[in-house]
């Protein structure tokens, strides 16, 4: 199978929405509809937020991946098990959904 993501996104499993705050928080990356860790995830933010992929100790800072307000990014999971998130200038929410492996 290809290791690149091409075409339209398919979301068939439930992700999560979490509040961002002044301190970094983390959650497990949600599994896809087959119950497996996805190759890719989509991360959307209501307010300026920063995210970082890693293991159960990952911590996000304002120097990590910026997700701009009302925007989204696709990230390759590459073996990560958790995603950390932190607010920018004000608290908000991030939404993380697993994309289906193709």
N, C-alpha and C. Protein backbone atom coordinates (compact mmCIF):
# COMPACT_ATOMS: atom_id res chain seq x y z
N UNK A 1 0.83 -1.19 0.00
CA UNK A 1 0.00 0.00 0.00
C UNK A 1 0.86 1.24 0.00
N UNK A 2 0.32 2.27 -0.57
CA UNK A 2 1.01 3.55 -0.62
C UNK A 2 1.11 4.17 0.76
N UNK A 3 2.18 4.86 1.01
CA UNK A 3 2.36 5.56 2.28
C UNK A 3 1.99 7.04 2.15
N UNK A 4 1.43 7.43 1.01
CA UNK A 4 1.03 8.82 0.82
C UNK A 4 -0.49 8.91 0.81
N UNK A 5 -0.99 10.04 1.20
CA UNK A 5 -2.44 10.25 1.23
C UNK A 5 -2.83 10.99 -0.03
N UNK A 6 -3.75 10.42 -0.78
CA UNK A 6 -4.18 11.03 -2.03
C UNK A 6 -5.69 11.04 -2.10
N UNK A 7 -6.23 12.04 -2.75
CA UNK A 7 -7.66 12.09 -2.99
C UNK A 7 -8.45 12.67 -1.84
N UNK A 8 -9.74 12.42 -1.88
CA UNK A 8 -10.66 12.94 -0.88
C UNK A 8 -10.45 12.23 0.45
N UNK A 9 -10.79 12.92 1.52
CA UNK A 9 -10.66 12.30 2.83
C UNK A 9 -11.88 11.44 3.12
N UNK A 10 -11.68 10.39 3.89
CA UNK A 10 -12.77 9.54 4.34
C UNK A 10 -12.66 9.43 5.85
N UNK A 11 -13.74 9.80 6.54
CA UNK A 11 -13.81 9.70 7.99
C UNK A 11 -14.98 8.79 8.32
N UNK A 12 -14.67 7.65 8.92
CA UNK A 12 -15.72 6.68 9.25
C UNK A 12 -15.74 6.33 10.73
N UNK A 13 -14.80 6.89 11.49
CA UNK A 13 -14.72 6.61 12.92
C UNK A 13 -14.78 7.92 13.69
N UNK A 14 -15.20 7.83 14.91
CA UNK A 14 -15.32 9.01 15.76
C UNK A 14 -13.97 9.47 16.26
N UNK A 15 -13.74 10.76 16.20
CA UNK A 15 -12.54 11.35 16.76
C UNK A 15 -12.86 11.95 18.12
N UNK A 16 -12.24 13.09 18.41
CA UNK A 16 -12.55 13.78 19.67
C UNK A 16 -12.36 15.28 19.49
N UNK A 17 -12.99 16.03 20.36
CA UNK A 17 -12.80 17.47 20.47
C UNK A 17 -12.37 17.75 21.88
N UNK A 18 -11.29 18.54 22.02
CA UNK A 18 -10.75 18.83 23.35
C UNK A 18 -10.52 20.32 23.50
N UNK A 19 -10.69 20.81 24.71
CA UNK A 19 -10.41 22.21 25.00
C UNK A 19 -8.91 22.43 25.12
N UNK A 20 -8.46 23.55 24.57
CA UNK A 20 -7.05 23.93 24.74
C UNK A 20 -6.95 24.91 25.88
N UNK A 21 -5.82 24.91 26.55
CA UNK A 21 -5.60 25.82 27.65
C UNK A 21 -4.18 26.33 27.64
N UNK A 22 -3.82 27.06 28.69
CA UNK A 22 -2.49 27.64 28.80
C UNK A 22 -1.42 26.59 29.05
N UNK A 23 -1.81 25.42 29.54
CA UNK A 23 -0.87 24.32 29.76
C UNK A 23 -1.13 23.25 28.70
N UNK A 24 -0.09 22.57 28.28
CA UNK A 24 -0.22 21.50 27.30
C UNK A 24 -1.05 20.36 27.87
N UNK A 25 -1.88 19.78 27.02
CA UNK A 25 -2.65 18.59 27.36
C UNK A 25 -2.43 17.59 26.23
N UNK A 26 -2.74 16.33 26.46
CA UNK A 26 -2.58 15.33 25.40
C UNK A 26 -3.70 14.31 25.46
N UNK A 27 -3.93 13.70 24.30
CA UNK A 27 -4.93 12.64 24.17
C UNK A 27 -4.38 11.57 23.25
N UNK A 28 -4.91 10.36 23.40
CA UNK A 28 -4.54 9.28 22.49
C UNK A 28 -5.10 9.59 21.10
N UNK A 29 -4.34 9.25 20.08
CA UNK A 29 -4.81 9.40 18.71
C UNK A 29 -5.94 8.40 18.50
N UNK A 30 -7.10 8.85 18.01
CA UNK A 30 -8.22 7.93 17.83
C UNK A 30 -7.95 6.91 16.73
N UNK A 31 -8.54 5.73 16.88
CA UNK A 31 -8.37 4.66 15.90
C UNK A 31 -9.35 4.82 14.75
N UNK A 32 -9.05 4.17 13.62
CA UNK A 32 -9.94 4.21 12.47
C UNK A 32 -11.06 3.19 12.63
N UNK A 33 -11.87 3.02 11.59
CA UNK A 33 -13.04 2.13 11.70
C UNK A 33 -12.65 0.66 11.85
N UNK A 34 -11.42 0.30 11.51
CA UNK A 34 -10.95 -1.08 11.69
C UNK A 34 -10.35 -1.28 13.08
N UNK A 35 -10.36 -0.25 13.91
CA UNK A 35 -9.79 -0.33 15.25
C UNK A 35 -8.28 -0.24 15.27
N UNK A 36 -7.69 0.25 14.18
CA UNK A 36 -6.24 0.37 14.07
C UNK A 36 -5.81 1.84 14.15
N UNK A 37 -4.55 2.04 14.49
CA UNK A 37 -4.02 3.39 14.46
C UNK A 37 -4.00 3.86 13.00
N UNK A 38 -4.54 5.04 12.71
CA UNK A 38 -4.59 5.50 11.32
C UNK A 38 -3.21 5.96 10.84
N UNK A 39 -3.05 6.01 9.55
CA UNK A 39 -1.82 6.57 8.99
C UNK A 39 -1.84 8.09 9.05
N UNK A 40 -3.05 8.65 8.92
CA UNK A 40 -3.20 10.11 8.88
C UNK A 40 -4.34 10.54 9.79
N UNK A 41 -4.23 11.76 10.31
CA UNK A 41 -5.31 12.38 11.07
C UNK A 41 -5.55 13.77 10.54
N UNK A 42 -6.75 14.26 10.77
CA UNK A 42 -7.09 15.65 10.44
C UNK A 42 -7.27 16.37 11.77
N UNK A 43 -6.61 17.51 11.89
CA UNK A 43 -6.69 18.32 13.11
C UNK A 43 -7.24 19.69 12.72
N UNK A 44 -8.33 20.10 13.36
CA UNK A 44 -8.93 21.40 13.13
C UNK A 44 -8.95 22.17 14.44
N UNK A 45 -8.93 23.50 14.35
CA UNK A 45 -8.92 24.33 15.56
C UNK A 45 -9.90 25.48 15.43
N UNK A 46 -10.50 25.83 16.56
CA UNK A 46 -11.40 26.99 16.59
C UNK A 46 -10.59 28.27 16.77
N UNK A 47 -9.59 28.22 17.63
CA UNK A 47 -8.69 29.36 17.87
C UNK A 47 -7.27 28.92 17.54
N UNK A 48 -6.37 29.86 17.48
CA UNK A 48 -4.95 29.56 17.27
C UNK A 48 -4.52 28.50 18.28
N UNK A 49 -4.00 27.38 17.78
CA UNK A 49 -3.57 26.28 18.63
C UNK A 49 -2.27 25.70 18.08
N UNK A 50 -1.55 24.99 18.93
CA UNK A 50 -0.31 24.34 18.53
C UNK A 50 -0.40 22.88 18.92
N UNK A 51 0.06 22.00 18.02
CA UNK A 51 -0.03 20.57 18.27
C UNK A 51 1.31 19.90 18.01
N UNK A 52 1.47 18.72 18.62
CA UNK A 52 2.68 17.93 18.43
C UNK A 52 2.33 16.47 18.62
N UNK A 53 2.81 15.61 17.73
CA UNK A 53 2.59 14.17 17.84
C UNK A 53 3.73 13.54 18.62
N UNK A 54 3.44 12.45 19.32
CA UNK A 54 4.48 11.75 20.07
C UNK A 54 3.91 10.57 20.83
N UNK A 55 4.57 10.26 21.95
CA UNK A 55 4.13 9.13 22.78
C UNK A 55 3.35 9.66 23.99
N UNK A 56 3.24 8.88 25.04
CA UNK A 56 2.44 9.27 26.20
C UNK A 56 3.07 10.39 27.02
N UNK A 57 4.26 10.85 26.64
CA UNK A 57 4.90 11.95 27.35
C UNK A 57 4.97 13.22 26.53
N UNK A 58 4.38 13.23 25.32
CA UNK A 58 4.50 14.39 24.42
C UNK A 58 3.87 15.63 25.05
N UNK A 59 4.53 16.76 24.84
CA UNK A 59 4.07 18.06 25.34
C UNK A 59 4.14 19.07 24.20
N UNK A 60 3.10 19.86 24.03
CA UNK A 60 3.07 20.88 22.99
C UNK A 60 3.51 22.23 23.56
N UNK A 61 4.16 23.02 22.72
CA UNK A 61 4.55 24.39 23.06
C UNK A 61 4.14 25.30 21.91
N UNK A 62 4.29 26.58 22.11
CA UNK A 62 3.98 27.56 21.07
C UNK A 62 5.00 27.53 19.93
N UNK A 63 5.97 26.63 19.99
CA UNK A 63 6.93 26.47 18.91
C UNK A 63 6.64 25.24 18.05
N UNK A 64 5.51 24.58 18.28
CA UNK A 64 5.17 23.37 17.53
C UNK A 64 4.25 23.73 16.36
N UNK A 65 3.56 22.75 15.79
CA UNK A 65 2.77 22.95 14.57
C UNK A 65 1.58 23.87 14.84
N UNK A 66 1.52 24.97 14.13
CA UNK A 66 0.43 25.94 14.27
C UNK A 66 -0.78 25.46 13.48
N UNK A 67 -1.93 25.44 14.15
CA UNK A 67 -3.21 25.25 13.47
C UNK A 67 -3.94 26.57 13.64
N UNK A 68 -4.16 27.25 12.54
CA UNK A 68 -4.76 28.58 12.59
C UNK A 68 -6.25 28.50 12.87
N UNK A 69 -6.84 29.59 13.36
CA UNK A 69 -8.27 29.60 13.67
C UNK A 69 -9.11 29.20 12.45
N UNK A 70 -10.09 28.34 12.70
CA UNK A 70 -11.02 27.87 11.67
C UNK A 70 -10.32 27.22 10.49
N UNK A 71 -9.19 26.58 10.75
CA UNK A 71 -8.43 25.91 9.69
C UNK A 71 -8.17 24.47 10.12
N UNK A 72 -7.65 23.67 9.20
CA UNK A 72 -7.31 22.30 9.56
C UNK A 72 -6.03 21.88 8.85
N UNK A 73 -5.41 20.84 9.40
CA UNK A 73 -4.21 20.26 8.80
C UNK A 73 -4.36 18.75 8.79
N UNK A 74 -3.66 18.10 7.88
CA UNK A 74 -3.58 16.64 7.86
C UNK A 74 -2.18 16.29 8.30
N UNK A 75 -2.06 15.35 9.21
CA UNK A 75 -0.75 14.92 9.71
C UNK A 75 -0.57 13.43 9.51
N UNK A 76 0.63 13.03 9.10
CA UNK A 76 0.99 11.61 9.07
C UNK A 76 1.31 11.19 10.49
N UNK A 77 0.73 10.10 10.94
CA UNK A 77 0.90 9.65 12.32
C UNK A 77 2.29 9.08 12.55
N UNK A 78 2.82 8.30 11.61
CA UNK A 78 4.19 7.77 11.68
C UNK A 78 4.55 7.14 13.02
N UNK A 79 3.68 6.31 13.56
CA UNK A 79 3.98 5.59 14.80
C UNK A 79 3.64 6.33 16.08
N UNK A 80 3.22 7.58 15.99
CA UNK A 80 2.84 8.32 17.20
C UNK A 80 1.59 7.69 17.81
N UNK A 81 1.47 7.79 19.12
CA UNK A 81 0.30 7.25 19.81
C UNK A 81 -0.56 8.34 20.44
N UNK A 82 0.02 9.54 20.61
CA UNK A 82 -0.69 10.63 21.28
C UNK A 82 -0.48 11.94 20.52
N UNK A 83 -1.39 12.88 20.76
CA UNK A 83 -1.26 14.23 20.24
C UNK A 83 -1.40 15.19 21.41
N UNK A 84 -0.47 16.14 21.48
CA UNK A 84 -0.52 17.17 22.52
C UNK A 84 -0.99 18.47 21.87
N UNK A 85 -1.65 19.31 22.66
CA UNK A 85 -2.20 20.57 22.14
C UNK A 85 -2.16 21.63 23.23
N UNK A 86 -2.03 22.89 22.79
CA UNK A 86 -1.98 24.03 23.70
C UNK A 86 -2.57 25.23 22.98
N UNK A 87 -3.15 26.13 23.72
CA UNK A 87 -3.74 27.32 23.12
C UNK A 87 -2.67 28.29 22.64
N UNK A 88 -3.07 29.18 21.74
CA UNK A 88 -2.23 30.31 21.35
C UNK A 88 -2.50 31.46 22.30
N UNK A 89 -3.18 32.50 21.81
CA UNK A 89 -3.44 33.66 22.66
C UNK A 89 -4.68 33.51 23.53
N UNK A 90 -5.59 32.61 23.15
CA UNK A 90 -6.77 32.39 23.99
C UNK A 90 -7.22 30.93 23.88
N UNK A 91 -7.97 30.51 24.87
CA UNK A 91 -8.45 29.13 24.90
C UNK A 91 -9.37 28.85 23.73
N UNK A 92 -9.41 27.61 23.31
CA UNK A 92 -10.26 27.21 22.20
C UNK A 92 -10.50 25.73 22.23
N UNK A 93 -10.67 25.13 21.07
CA UNK A 93 -10.88 23.69 20.96
C UNK A 93 -10.12 23.17 19.75
N UNK A 94 -9.65 21.93 19.86
CA UNK A 94 -9.11 21.23 18.70
C UNK A 94 -9.97 19.99 18.47
N UNK A 95 -10.13 19.64 17.21
CA UNK A 95 -10.86 18.45 16.83
C UNK A 95 -9.91 17.55 16.06
N UNK A 96 -9.83 16.28 16.46
CA UNK A 96 -8.92 15.32 15.84
C UNK A 96 -9.75 14.13 15.37
N UNK A 97 -9.65 13.81 14.08
CA UNK A 97 -10.35 12.65 13.53
C UNK A 97 -9.37 11.78 12.75
N UNK A 98 -9.57 10.46 12.85
CA UNK A 98 -8.71 9.54 12.07
C UNK A 98 -9.21 9.48 10.64
N UNK A 99 -8.28 9.48 9.70
CA UNK A 99 -8.62 9.30 8.30
C UNK A 99 -8.45 7.83 7.96
N UNK A 100 -9.27 7.31 7.10
CA UNK A 100 -9.22 5.89 6.77
C UNK A 100 -7.98 5.56 5.95
N UNK A 101 -7.35 4.45 6.26
CA UNK A 101 -6.22 3.96 5.47
C UNK A 101 -6.73 3.54 4.09
N UNK A 102 -5.96 3.86 3.07
CA UNK A 102 -6.39 3.47 1.73
C UNK A 102 -5.38 2.57 1.08
